[in-house]
N, C-alpha and C. Protein backbone atom coordinates (compact mmCIF):
# COMPACT_ATOMS: atom_id res chain seq x y z
N MET A 1 68.11 22.90 32.43
CA MET A 1 68.12 21.78 31.48
C MET A 1 67.11 20.73 31.93
N ALA A 2 66.29 20.25 30.98
CA ALA A 2 65.28 19.26 31.32
C ALA A 2 65.95 17.93 31.67
N ARG A 3 65.38 17.26 32.66
CA ARG A 3 65.92 15.96 33.06
C ARG A 3 65.54 14.90 32.03
N VAL A 4 66.46 13.99 31.80
CA VAL A 4 66.19 12.89 30.86
C VAL A 4 65.28 11.88 31.54
N SER A 5 64.22 11.48 30.87
CA SER A 5 63.25 10.57 31.48
C SER A 5 63.83 9.16 31.57
N GLN A 6 63.31 8.40 32.53
CA GLN A 6 63.73 7.01 32.66
C GLN A 6 63.38 6.21 31.41
N GLU A 7 62.26 6.57 30.80
CA GLU A 7 61.85 5.89 29.57
C GLU A 7 62.90 6.08 28.47
N HIS A 8 63.44 7.29 28.38
CA HIS A 8 64.48 7.57 27.39
C HIS A 8 65.75 6.78 27.70
N LEU A 9 66.13 6.74 28.98
CA LEU A 9 67.33 6.00 29.39
C LEU A 9 67.18 4.52 29.08
N ASP A 10 66.00 3.98 29.37
CA ASP A 10 65.75 2.55 29.12
C ASP A 10 65.80 2.26 27.62
N ALA A 11 65.23 3.16 26.82
CA ALA A 11 65.22 2.96 25.37
C ALA A 11 66.64 3.02 24.81
N ARG A 12 67.45 3.92 25.32
CA ARG A 12 68.83 4.03 24.85
C ARG A 12 69.62 2.77 25.24
N ARG A 13 69.41 2.30 26.46
CA ARG A 13 70.09 1.07 26.90
C ARG A 13 69.68 -0.10 26.02
N ARG A 14 68.38 -0.18 25.69
CA ARG A 14 67.89 -1.24 24.82
C ARG A 14 68.53 -1.16 23.44
N GLN A 15 68.66 0.04 22.93
CA GLN A 15 69.28 0.26 21.63
C GLN A 15 70.72 -0.26 21.62
N ILE A 16 71.45 0.03 22.67
CA ILE A 16 72.85 -0.39 22.75
C ILE A 16 72.96 -1.91 22.88
N LEU A 17 72.15 -2.50 23.73
CA LEU A 17 72.19 -3.95 23.91
C LEU A 17 71.83 -4.68 22.61
N ASP A 18 70.80 -4.21 21.93
CA ASP A 18 70.40 -4.87 20.69
C ASP A 18 71.47 -4.72 19.61
N GLY A 19 72.07 -3.54 19.54
CA GLY A 19 73.14 -3.35 18.56
C GLY A 19 74.34 -4.22 18.84
N ALA A 20 74.72 -4.32 20.11
CA ALA A 20 75.84 -5.18 20.48
C ALA A 20 75.52 -6.64 20.19
N ALA A 21 74.29 -7.06 20.49
CA ALA A 21 73.89 -8.44 20.23
C ALA A 21 74.02 -8.77 18.75
N LEU A 22 73.63 -7.85 17.90
CA LEU A 22 73.77 -8.06 16.45
C LEU A 22 75.24 -8.20 16.06
N CYS A 23 76.07 -7.35 16.60
CA CYS A 23 77.51 -7.41 16.28
C CYS A 23 78.11 -8.73 16.74
N PHE A 24 77.80 -9.14 17.95
CA PHE A 24 78.36 -10.39 18.48
C PHE A 24 77.86 -11.59 17.67
N ALA A 25 76.57 -11.57 17.31
CA ALA A 25 76.02 -12.68 16.53
C ALA A 25 76.64 -12.74 15.13
N ARG A 26 76.90 -11.58 14.57
CA ARG A 26 77.41 -11.50 13.20
C ARG A 26 78.88 -11.90 13.11
N ASN A 27 79.70 -11.37 14.02
CA ASN A 27 81.15 -11.52 13.88
C ASN A 27 81.83 -12.27 15.02
N GLY A 28 81.09 -12.60 16.06
CA GLY A 28 81.72 -13.22 17.21
C GLY A 28 82.19 -12.16 18.19
N PHE A 29 82.45 -12.56 19.42
CA PHE A 29 82.80 -11.61 20.46
C PHE A 29 84.17 -11.00 20.22
N HIS A 30 85.17 -11.83 19.94
CA HIS A 30 86.53 -11.32 19.82
C HIS A 30 86.75 -10.48 18.57
N ALA A 31 86.02 -10.80 17.51
CA ALA A 31 86.18 -10.04 16.27
C ALA A 31 85.39 -8.74 16.28
N THR A 32 84.58 -8.54 17.30
CA THR A 32 83.79 -7.31 17.42
C THR A 32 84.52 -6.31 18.31
N SER A 33 84.66 -5.09 17.83
CA SER A 33 85.27 -4.03 18.64
C SER A 33 84.18 -3.10 19.14
N MET A 34 84.53 -2.28 20.11
CA MET A 34 83.57 -1.29 20.58
C MET A 34 83.25 -0.30 19.46
N GLN A 35 84.20 -0.06 18.56
CA GLN A 35 83.93 0.81 17.42
C GLN A 35 82.83 0.22 16.54
N ASP A 36 82.83 -1.12 16.40
CA ASP A 36 81.77 -1.78 15.64
C ASP A 36 80.41 -1.53 16.29
N VAL A 37 80.39 -1.62 17.62
CA VAL A 37 79.13 -1.40 18.34
C VAL A 37 78.67 0.04 18.18
N LEU A 38 79.60 0.98 18.31
CA LEU A 38 79.25 2.39 18.15
C LEU A 38 78.67 2.66 16.77
N LYS A 39 79.27 2.05 15.76
CA LYS A 39 78.78 2.23 14.39
C LYS A 39 77.40 1.62 14.23
N GLU A 40 77.19 0.46 14.82
CA GLU A 40 75.91 -0.24 14.70
C GLU A 40 74.77 0.56 15.33
N VAL A 41 75.02 1.14 16.48
CA VAL A 41 73.95 1.86 17.19
C VAL A 41 73.92 3.34 16.83
N ASP A 42 74.95 3.81 16.06
CA ASP A 42 75.02 5.20 15.62
C ASP A 42 74.98 6.17 16.80
N LEU A 43 75.84 5.89 17.79
CA LEU A 43 75.94 6.74 18.96
C LEU A 43 77.41 7.09 19.22
N SER A 44 77.63 8.14 19.97
CA SER A 44 78.99 8.52 20.33
C SER A 44 79.53 7.58 21.40
N ALA A 45 80.85 7.57 21.53
CA ALA A 45 81.47 6.74 22.56
C ALA A 45 80.98 7.14 23.95
N GLY A 46 80.85 8.44 24.18
CA GLY A 46 80.39 8.89 25.48
C GLY A 46 79.00 8.40 25.81
N ALA A 47 78.11 8.37 24.80
CA ALA A 47 76.74 7.92 25.02
C ALA A 47 76.70 6.44 25.39
N VAL A 48 77.55 5.64 24.76
CA VAL A 48 77.56 4.21 25.03
C VAL A 48 78.26 3.90 26.36
N TYR A 49 79.41 4.54 26.59
CA TYR A 49 80.16 4.26 27.81
C TYR A 49 79.45 4.77 29.06
N ARG A 50 78.45 5.61 28.88
CA ARG A 50 77.64 6.02 30.02
C ARG A 50 76.90 4.83 30.60
N TYR A 51 76.61 3.84 29.76
CA TYR A 51 75.84 2.67 30.19
C TYR A 51 76.71 1.44 30.41
N PHE A 52 77.72 1.26 29.58
CA PHE A 52 78.53 0.04 29.63
C PHE A 52 80.00 0.39 29.48
N SER A 53 80.83 -0.27 30.29
CA SER A 53 82.26 0.04 30.29
C SER A 53 83.02 -0.61 29.14
N GLY A 54 82.43 -1.63 28.51
CA GLY A 54 83.12 -2.30 27.42
C GLY A 54 82.38 -3.54 26.97
N LYS A 55 83.03 -4.33 26.11
CA LYS A 55 82.39 -5.52 25.53
C LYS A 55 81.98 -6.53 26.60
N GLU A 56 82.86 -6.73 27.60
CA GLU A 56 82.58 -7.73 28.62
C GLU A 56 81.29 -7.40 29.38
N GLU A 57 81.12 -6.12 29.70
CA GLU A 57 79.91 -5.72 30.42
C GLU A 57 78.68 -5.83 29.52
N LEU A 58 78.85 -5.56 28.25
CA LEU A 58 77.74 -5.68 27.31
C LEU A 58 77.25 -7.12 27.19
N ILE A 59 78.18 -8.04 26.96
CA ILE A 59 77.75 -9.42 26.78
C ILE A 59 77.22 -10.00 28.09
N GLY A 60 77.79 -9.56 29.21
CA GLY A 60 77.27 -9.99 30.50
C GLY A 60 75.84 -9.52 30.71
N ALA A 61 75.54 -8.28 30.30
CA ALA A 61 74.19 -7.74 30.45
C ALA A 61 73.20 -8.48 29.56
N ILE A 62 73.63 -8.82 28.35
CA ILE A 62 72.76 -9.56 27.43
C ILE A 62 72.42 -10.93 28.00
N VAL A 63 73.43 -11.62 28.52
CA VAL A 63 73.21 -12.96 29.08
C VAL A 63 72.32 -12.87 30.32
N ALA A 64 72.61 -11.94 31.21
CA ALA A 64 71.83 -11.81 32.44
C ALA A 64 70.37 -11.48 32.14
N GLU A 65 70.15 -10.61 31.17
CA GLU A 65 68.78 -10.23 30.81
C GLU A 65 68.01 -11.43 30.27
N THR A 66 68.64 -12.19 29.38
CA THR A 66 67.96 -13.34 28.78
C THR A 66 67.64 -14.40 29.82
N LEU A 67 68.63 -14.76 30.62
CA LEU A 67 68.41 -15.78 31.64
C LEU A 67 67.39 -15.31 32.68
N GLY A 68 67.41 -14.04 33.00
CA GLY A 68 66.45 -13.50 33.96
C GLY A 68 65.02 -13.61 33.46
N SER A 69 64.80 -13.27 32.20
CA SER A 69 63.44 -13.34 31.66
C SER A 69 62.96 -14.79 31.56
N VAL A 70 63.86 -15.70 31.22
CA VAL A 70 63.50 -17.12 31.15
C VAL A 70 63.16 -17.65 32.54
N ARG A 71 64.00 -17.30 33.52
CA ARG A 71 63.74 -17.76 34.89
C ARG A 71 62.41 -17.24 35.41
N GLU A 72 62.11 -15.99 35.15
CA GLU A 72 60.85 -15.40 35.61
C GLU A 72 59.65 -16.13 35.00
N ALA A 73 59.76 -16.48 33.72
CA ALA A 73 58.66 -17.19 33.06
C ALA A 73 58.43 -18.55 33.69
N PHE A 74 59.52 -19.26 34.01
CA PHE A 74 59.37 -20.57 34.64
C PHE A 74 58.94 -20.44 36.10
N GLU A 75 59.36 -19.36 36.77
CA GLU A 75 58.90 -19.12 38.13
C GLU A 75 57.39 -18.97 38.16
N GLU A 76 56.86 -18.27 37.20
CA GLU A 76 55.41 -18.09 37.09
C GLU A 76 54.72 -19.44 36.93
N ALA A 77 55.30 -20.30 36.10
CA ALA A 77 54.71 -21.63 35.88
C ALA A 77 54.79 -22.48 37.14
N ALA A 78 55.90 -22.35 37.88
CA ALA A 78 56.09 -23.15 39.09
C ALA A 78 55.06 -22.81 40.16
N ARG A 79 54.52 -21.60 40.12
CA ARG A 79 53.51 -21.19 41.11
C ARG A 79 52.13 -21.72 40.80
N GLN A 80 51.95 -22.27 39.60
CA GLN A 80 50.65 -22.82 39.22
C GLN A 80 50.52 -24.25 39.72
N SER A 81 49.31 -24.66 40.00
CA SER A 81 49.08 -26.02 40.51
C SER A 81 47.93 -26.68 39.74
N PRO A 82 48.28 -27.65 38.85
CA PRO A 82 49.64 -28.05 38.48
C PRO A 82 50.22 -27.10 37.43
N PRO A 83 51.51 -27.17 37.21
CA PRO A 83 52.12 -26.35 36.15
C PRO A 83 51.61 -26.79 34.78
N PRO A 84 51.73 -25.93 33.76
CA PRO A 84 51.35 -26.33 32.40
C PRO A 84 52.20 -27.53 31.96
N PRO A 85 51.67 -28.40 31.10
CA PRO A 85 52.44 -29.55 30.60
C PRO A 85 53.76 -29.10 29.97
N PRO A 86 54.79 -29.93 30.03
CA PRO A 86 56.11 -29.54 29.53
C PRO A 86 56.12 -29.05 28.09
N ASP A 87 55.40 -29.71 27.20
CA ASP A 87 55.42 -29.32 25.80
C ASP A 87 54.86 -27.91 25.61
N GLU A 88 53.77 -27.61 26.29
CA GLU A 88 53.17 -26.28 26.18
C GLU A 88 54.04 -25.23 26.86
N LEU A 89 54.59 -25.58 28.02
CA LEU A 89 55.40 -24.63 28.78
C LEU A 89 56.66 -24.25 28.03
N VAL A 90 57.37 -25.24 27.54
CA VAL A 90 58.62 -24.98 26.82
C VAL A 90 58.36 -24.14 25.57
N ALA A 91 57.33 -24.51 24.82
CA ALA A 91 57.02 -23.77 23.60
C ALA A 91 56.64 -22.32 23.91
N SER A 92 55.90 -22.13 25.00
CA SER A 92 55.48 -20.78 25.37
C SER A 92 56.67 -19.91 25.76
N VAL A 93 57.53 -20.43 26.63
CA VAL A 93 58.67 -19.64 27.11
C VAL A 93 59.67 -19.39 25.99
N LEU A 94 60.00 -20.42 25.22
CA LEU A 94 60.94 -20.23 24.12
C LEU A 94 60.36 -19.32 23.06
N GLY A 95 59.07 -19.47 22.79
CA GLY A 95 58.42 -18.61 21.81
C GLY A 95 58.50 -17.15 22.20
N ARG A 96 58.26 -16.85 23.50
CA ARG A 96 58.34 -15.47 23.97
C ARG A 96 59.78 -14.96 23.91
N THR A 97 60.73 -15.82 24.24
CA THR A 97 62.14 -15.41 24.21
C THR A 97 62.58 -15.05 22.80
N LEU A 98 62.18 -15.86 21.84
CA LEU A 98 62.54 -15.59 20.45
C LEU A 98 61.79 -14.39 19.90
N ALA A 99 60.51 -14.26 20.26
CA ALA A 99 59.70 -13.15 19.76
C ALA A 99 60.23 -11.81 20.25
N ALA A 100 60.75 -11.79 21.49
CA ALA A 100 61.28 -10.54 22.04
C ALA A 100 62.50 -10.06 21.28
N ARG A 101 63.11 -10.96 20.52
CA ARG A 101 64.33 -10.61 19.79
C ARG A 101 64.18 -10.82 18.29
N GLU A 102 62.94 -10.89 17.82
CA GLU A 102 62.71 -11.20 16.40
C GLU A 102 63.17 -10.09 15.47
N SER A 103 63.32 -8.88 16.00
CA SER A 103 63.79 -7.78 15.15
C SER A 103 65.29 -7.85 14.89
N LEU A 104 65.99 -8.70 15.64
CA LEU A 104 67.44 -8.84 15.47
C LEU A 104 67.70 -9.91 14.41
N VAL A 105 68.18 -9.48 13.26
CA VAL A 105 68.36 -10.38 12.12
C VAL A 105 69.76 -10.21 11.54
N VAL A 106 70.40 -11.33 11.22
CA VAL A 106 71.71 -11.32 10.58
C VAL A 106 71.62 -12.18 9.32
N ASP A 107 71.93 -11.59 8.18
CA ASP A 107 71.87 -12.31 6.90
C ASP A 107 70.51 -12.94 6.66
N GLY A 108 69.47 -12.22 7.06
CA GLY A 108 68.11 -12.68 6.82
C GLY A 108 67.62 -13.76 7.77
N ARG A 109 68.43 -14.10 8.78
CA ARG A 109 68.05 -15.14 9.73
C ARG A 109 68.08 -14.57 11.14
N PRO A 110 67.26 -15.14 12.04
CA PRO A 110 67.25 -14.66 13.42
C PRO A 110 68.64 -14.69 14.03
N ALA A 111 68.99 -13.61 14.74
CA ALA A 111 70.33 -13.50 15.30
C ALA A 111 70.47 -14.23 16.63
N PHE A 112 69.37 -14.40 17.36
CA PHE A 112 69.47 -14.92 18.72
C PHE A 112 70.11 -16.30 18.79
N PRO A 113 69.73 -17.29 17.97
CA PRO A 113 70.40 -18.60 18.05
C PRO A 113 71.90 -18.50 17.82
N ARG A 114 72.32 -17.66 16.88
CA ARG A 114 73.75 -17.48 16.63
C ARG A 114 74.43 -16.84 17.82
N LEU A 115 73.75 -15.91 18.46
CA LEU A 115 74.30 -15.24 19.63
C LEU A 115 74.52 -16.24 20.76
N VAL A 116 73.58 -17.16 20.94
CA VAL A 116 73.72 -18.18 21.99
C VAL A 116 74.98 -19.00 21.78
N ILE A 117 75.23 -19.40 20.54
CA ILE A 117 76.44 -20.18 20.24
C ILE A 117 77.69 -19.36 20.53
N GLN A 118 77.67 -18.09 20.19
CA GLN A 118 78.82 -17.23 20.44
C GLN A 118 79.08 -17.10 21.94
N VAL A 119 78.02 -17.01 22.72
CA VAL A 119 78.17 -16.91 24.18
C VAL A 119 78.78 -18.19 24.73
N TRP A 120 78.28 -19.34 24.28
CA TRP A 120 78.84 -20.61 24.75
C TRP A 120 80.34 -20.67 24.45
N THR A 121 80.72 -20.26 23.26
CA THR A 121 82.13 -20.29 22.87
C THR A 121 82.96 -19.38 23.76
N GLU A 122 82.43 -18.19 24.05
CA GLU A 122 83.18 -17.22 24.84
C GLU A 122 83.39 -17.69 26.28
N THR A 123 82.47 -18.50 26.80
CA THR A 123 82.63 -18.97 28.18
C THR A 123 83.86 -19.86 28.35
N LEU A 124 84.36 -20.41 27.25
CA LEU A 124 85.58 -21.23 27.32
C LEU A 124 86.81 -20.36 27.59
N ARG A 125 86.71 -19.05 27.30
CA ARG A 125 87.84 -18.15 27.48
C ARG A 125 87.62 -17.16 28.62
N ASN A 126 86.37 -16.89 28.92
CA ASN A 126 86.01 -15.82 29.86
C ASN A 126 85.39 -16.42 31.11
N GLU A 127 86.16 -16.49 32.19
CA GLU A 127 85.68 -17.15 33.40
C GLU A 127 84.54 -16.38 34.05
N GLU A 128 84.57 -15.05 33.99
CA GLU A 128 83.48 -14.27 34.58
C GLU A 128 82.16 -14.56 33.87
N LEU A 129 82.20 -14.63 32.56
CA LEU A 129 81.00 -14.96 31.80
C LEU A 129 80.57 -16.39 32.08
N ALA A 130 81.55 -17.30 32.22
CA ALA A 130 81.23 -18.69 32.52
C ALA A 130 80.52 -18.80 33.87
N VAL A 131 80.98 -18.05 34.86
CA VAL A 131 80.33 -18.05 36.17
C VAL A 131 78.90 -17.52 36.06
N LEU A 132 78.72 -16.44 35.33
CA LEU A 132 77.39 -15.86 35.14
C LEU A 132 76.45 -16.86 34.49
N LEU A 133 76.95 -17.56 33.48
CA LEU A 133 76.13 -18.53 32.78
C LEU A 133 75.80 -19.72 33.67
N ARG A 134 76.78 -20.19 34.45
CA ARG A 134 76.53 -21.31 35.35
C ARG A 134 75.50 -20.95 36.40
N GLU A 135 75.61 -19.75 36.95
CA GLU A 135 74.66 -19.32 37.96
C GLU A 135 73.25 -19.19 37.37
N GLY A 136 73.16 -18.62 36.18
CA GLY A 136 71.87 -18.49 35.53
C GLY A 136 71.27 -19.83 35.19
N TYR A 137 72.10 -20.73 34.67
CA TYR A 137 71.66 -22.08 34.35
C TYR A 137 71.18 -22.79 35.61
N GLY A 138 71.94 -22.61 36.70
CA GLY A 138 71.56 -23.27 37.96
C GLY A 138 70.23 -22.78 38.48
N SER A 139 69.95 -21.47 38.34
CA SER A 139 68.68 -20.95 38.82
C SER A 139 67.51 -21.46 37.98
N VAL A 140 67.69 -21.53 36.67
CA VAL A 140 66.64 -22.07 35.80
C VAL A 140 66.43 -23.55 36.09
N ARG A 141 67.51 -24.27 36.30
CA ARG A 141 67.42 -25.70 36.62
C ARG A 141 66.66 -25.93 37.92
N ALA A 142 66.92 -25.08 38.92
CA ALA A 142 66.23 -25.22 40.20
C ALA A 142 64.73 -24.99 40.04
N VAL A 143 64.37 -23.99 39.25
CA VAL A 143 62.94 -23.72 39.02
C VAL A 143 62.30 -24.89 38.28
N TRP A 144 62.99 -25.43 37.29
CA TRP A 144 62.46 -26.58 36.57
C TRP A 144 62.26 -27.77 37.52
N GLY A 145 63.16 -27.91 38.47
CA GLY A 145 63.00 -28.99 39.45
C GLY A 145 61.70 -28.84 40.22
N ARG A 146 61.36 -27.60 40.59
CA ARG A 146 60.10 -27.37 41.30
C ARG A 146 58.89 -27.64 40.41
N ILE A 147 59.04 -27.31 39.13
CA ILE A 147 57.96 -27.60 38.18
C ILE A 147 57.72 -29.10 38.10
N VAL A 148 58.81 -29.85 38.01
CA VAL A 148 58.69 -31.31 37.93
C VAL A 148 58.04 -31.86 39.20
N GLU A 149 58.41 -31.33 40.34
CA GLU A 149 57.77 -31.76 41.59
C GLU A 149 56.27 -31.49 41.55
N GLY A 150 55.88 -30.38 40.92
CA GLY A 150 54.46 -30.08 40.75
C GLY A 150 53.78 -31.11 39.88
N TYR A 151 54.45 -31.55 38.81
CA TYR A 151 53.89 -32.61 37.97
C TYR A 151 53.70 -33.90 38.78
N GLN A 152 54.73 -34.23 39.54
CA GLN A 152 54.69 -35.48 40.30
C GLN A 152 53.60 -35.45 41.36
N GLU A 153 53.45 -34.31 42.05
CA GLU A 153 52.42 -34.20 43.07
C GLU A 153 51.02 -34.30 42.47
N ALA A 154 50.88 -33.84 41.22
CA ALA A 154 49.58 -33.88 40.55
C ALA A 154 49.34 -35.22 39.86
N GLY A 155 50.30 -36.14 39.93
CA GLY A 155 50.15 -37.43 39.27
C GLY A 155 50.32 -37.36 37.77
N MET A 156 50.91 -36.26 37.28
CA MET A 156 51.11 -36.11 35.84
C MET A 156 52.39 -36.76 35.35
N MET A 157 53.31 -37.03 36.27
CA MET A 157 54.61 -37.57 35.89
C MET A 157 55.01 -38.63 36.91
N ARG A 158 55.66 -39.67 36.44
CA ARG A 158 56.09 -40.73 37.34
C ARG A 158 56.98 -40.15 38.43
N SER A 159 56.87 -40.73 39.60
CA SER A 159 57.55 -40.16 40.77
C SER A 159 58.87 -40.82 41.11
N ASP A 160 59.28 -41.82 40.32
CA ASP A 160 60.51 -42.54 40.65
C ASP A 160 61.73 -42.00 39.89
N VAL A 161 61.61 -40.80 39.35
CA VAL A 161 62.72 -40.16 38.66
C VAL A 161 63.03 -38.85 39.37
N ALA A 162 64.31 -38.59 39.62
CA ALA A 162 64.71 -37.37 40.32
C ALA A 162 64.31 -36.14 39.52
N PRO A 163 63.65 -35.16 40.15
CA PRO A 163 63.24 -33.94 39.43
C PRO A 163 64.39 -33.26 38.70
N ASP A 164 65.59 -33.26 39.29
CA ASP A 164 66.72 -32.60 38.65
C ASP A 164 67.11 -33.28 37.35
N HIS A 165 66.91 -34.60 37.27
CA HIS A 165 67.24 -35.31 36.04
C HIS A 165 66.30 -34.87 34.92
N VAL A 166 65.03 -34.71 35.25
CA VAL A 166 64.07 -34.24 34.26
C VAL A 166 64.38 -32.80 33.88
N ALA A 167 64.72 -31.98 34.88
CA ALA A 167 65.03 -30.58 34.63
C ALA A 167 66.19 -30.45 33.65
N ARG A 168 67.25 -31.20 33.88
CA ARG A 168 68.41 -31.15 32.98
C ARG A 168 68.03 -31.57 31.56
N THR A 169 67.18 -32.57 31.45
CA THR A 169 66.78 -33.07 30.13
C THR A 169 65.94 -32.05 29.39
N MET A 170 65.01 -31.38 30.09
CA MET A 170 64.18 -30.38 29.45
C MET A 170 65.02 -29.19 28.97
N ILE A 171 65.97 -28.77 29.80
CA ILE A 171 66.85 -27.66 29.40
C ILE A 171 67.70 -28.08 28.20
N ALA A 172 68.19 -29.32 28.23
CA ALA A 172 69.01 -29.81 27.12
C ALA A 172 68.22 -29.82 25.81
N SER A 173 66.95 -30.15 25.88
CA SER A 173 66.13 -30.17 24.66
C SER A 173 66.00 -28.77 24.07
N VAL A 174 65.83 -27.77 24.94
CA VAL A 174 65.71 -26.40 24.46
C VAL A 174 67.03 -25.90 23.87
N LEU A 175 68.14 -26.14 24.60
CA LEU A 175 69.44 -25.70 24.11
C LEU A 175 69.79 -26.39 22.78
N GLY A 176 69.46 -27.66 22.68
CA GLY A 176 69.72 -28.38 21.44
C GLY A 176 68.90 -27.83 20.29
N PHE A 177 67.66 -27.46 20.57
CA PHE A 177 66.80 -26.89 19.53
C PHE A 177 67.34 -25.56 19.05
N ILE A 178 67.84 -24.74 20.00
CA ILE A 178 68.43 -23.45 19.62
C ILE A 178 69.69 -23.68 18.79
N ALA A 179 70.51 -24.66 19.18
CA ALA A 179 71.73 -24.96 18.42
C ALA A 179 71.38 -25.40 17.00
N GLN A 180 70.33 -26.20 16.86
CA GLN A 180 69.90 -26.62 15.52
C GLN A 180 69.52 -25.43 14.66
N GLN A 181 68.84 -24.45 15.26
CA GLN A 181 68.45 -23.27 14.49
C GLN A 181 69.67 -22.49 14.03
N SER A 182 70.67 -22.41 14.88
CA SER A 182 71.89 -21.71 14.50
C SER A 182 72.60 -22.41 13.35
N LEU A 183 72.61 -23.74 13.40
CA LEU A 183 73.35 -24.52 12.40
C LEU A 183 72.57 -24.73 11.11
N PHE A 184 71.26 -24.98 11.25
CA PHE A 184 70.48 -25.43 10.09
C PHE A 184 69.36 -24.50 9.67
N GLY A 185 69.18 -23.40 10.38
CA GLY A 185 68.15 -22.45 9.98
C GLY A 185 66.96 -22.46 10.91
N PRO A 186 66.12 -21.43 10.80
CA PRO A 186 64.98 -21.27 11.70
C PRO A 186 63.99 -22.42 11.61
N ALA A 187 63.32 -22.67 12.73
CA ALA A 187 62.24 -23.65 12.80
C ALA A 187 61.25 -23.15 13.85
N PRO A 188 59.96 -23.29 13.61
CA PRO A 188 58.98 -22.80 14.58
C PRO A 188 59.04 -23.60 15.88
N VAL A 189 58.70 -22.95 16.99
CA VAL A 189 58.75 -23.64 18.29
C VAL A 189 57.77 -24.80 18.35
N GLU A 190 56.79 -24.80 17.43
CA GLU A 190 55.83 -25.91 17.41
C GLU A 190 56.51 -27.24 17.12
N VAL A 191 57.65 -27.19 16.42
CA VAL A 191 58.41 -28.42 16.15
C VAL A 191 58.86 -29.05 17.47
N LEU A 192 59.45 -28.23 18.35
CA LEU A 192 59.88 -28.74 19.65
C LEU A 192 58.68 -29.14 20.49
N ARG A 193 57.64 -28.33 20.47
CA ARG A 193 56.43 -28.66 21.24
C ARG A 193 55.86 -30.01 20.84
N ASP A 194 55.72 -30.24 19.54
CA ASP A 194 55.12 -31.49 19.07
C ASP A 194 56.02 -32.68 19.38
N GLY A 195 57.34 -32.48 19.25
CA GLY A 195 58.25 -33.58 19.57
C GLY A 195 58.18 -33.96 21.03
N LEU A 196 58.17 -32.97 21.92
CA LEU A 196 58.06 -33.26 23.35
C LEU A 196 56.73 -33.90 23.68
N ARG A 197 55.68 -33.43 23.02
CA ARG A 197 54.35 -34.01 23.27
C ARG A 197 54.32 -35.48 22.89
N ALA A 198 54.94 -35.80 21.77
CA ALA A 198 54.96 -37.20 21.33
C ALA A 198 55.78 -38.06 22.29
N LEU A 199 56.94 -37.56 22.71
CA LEU A 199 57.81 -38.34 23.59
C LEU A 199 57.20 -38.53 24.98
N THR A 200 56.63 -37.46 25.53
CA THR A 200 56.07 -37.57 26.89
C THR A 200 54.76 -38.32 26.90
N GLY A 201 54.17 -38.53 25.72
CA GLY A 201 52.92 -39.27 25.67
C GLY A 201 53.11 -40.75 25.41
N MET A 202 54.38 -41.21 25.34
CA MET A 202 54.63 -42.61 25.06
C MET A 202 54.21 -43.49 26.22
N ARG A 203 53.86 -44.71 25.90
CA ARG A 203 53.53 -45.70 26.92
C ARG A 203 54.42 -46.93 26.70
N GLY A 204 54.85 -47.52 27.79
CA GLY A 204 55.66 -48.72 27.66
C GLY A 204 55.21 -49.76 28.67
N GLU A 205 55.13 -50.98 28.25
CA GLU A 205 54.72 -52.04 29.16
C GLU A 205 55.71 -52.16 30.30
N GLY A 206 55.18 -52.26 31.50
CA GLY A 206 56.01 -52.45 32.67
C GLY A 206 56.75 -51.21 33.10
N ALA A 207 56.40 -50.06 32.53
CA ALA A 207 57.11 -48.84 32.90
C ALA A 207 56.77 -48.46 34.33
N GLY A 208 55.54 -48.68 34.71
CA GLY A 208 55.14 -48.40 36.10
C GLY A 208 54.96 -46.93 36.34
N GLY A 209 54.11 -46.62 37.30
CA GLY A 209 53.92 -45.24 37.72
C GLY A 209 53.10 -44.46 36.71
N SER A 210 52.68 -43.30 37.12
CA SER A 210 51.89 -42.42 36.26
C SER A 210 52.83 -41.68 35.33
N GLN A 211 52.38 -41.49 34.08
CA GLN A 211 53.18 -40.79 33.10
C GLN A 211 52.35 -39.66 32.50
N LEU A 212 53.05 -38.78 31.81
CA LEU A 212 52.34 -37.70 31.12
C LEU A 212 51.49 -38.27 30.01
N GLY A 213 50.32 -37.69 29.83
CA GLY A 213 49.44 -38.15 28.77
C GLY A 213 49.44 -37.20 27.60
């Protein structure tokens, strides 16, 4: 019997994750059964359970994959000297994150923002998922802190503000933008980019220190 290629295994895993993501975004985590996932991906139970033991493992894999790709993108930016400006960096990373999932659509709208809201809701009930999300958030926050330090060292950002405070604010802007898309419909990442550019380019008398231009 011919051995199954790693490429085939990866494609099958991707198929299952994307199908589960659609189900969770459409109906919520608790209202989705494994039978719903099997129907969505058109695979047998044995084929799916070969990769994932159940819904909890599926949603955990989706969250870990998303946070991992976001962290890697910001890690790349943190290694640059200086890092790209916040407006360009945020738009680039969020744009890539959304583009990677643009084929996932529910009721004619992107599924990813809805999925994010469903994950947040589930963390109120699922402590394991909550821990995974906190750890992922903490790692992204730490990378953002290093990015801010890069801005400050380059004189691009005032140095009298704690890097972690800026990191939390930048993450909050992205999460808020995703929540808006879930509630009010899609919007291009250029909206967030332009808003951040306008805010970070403000000048105030007596503000002191170097600011983003």
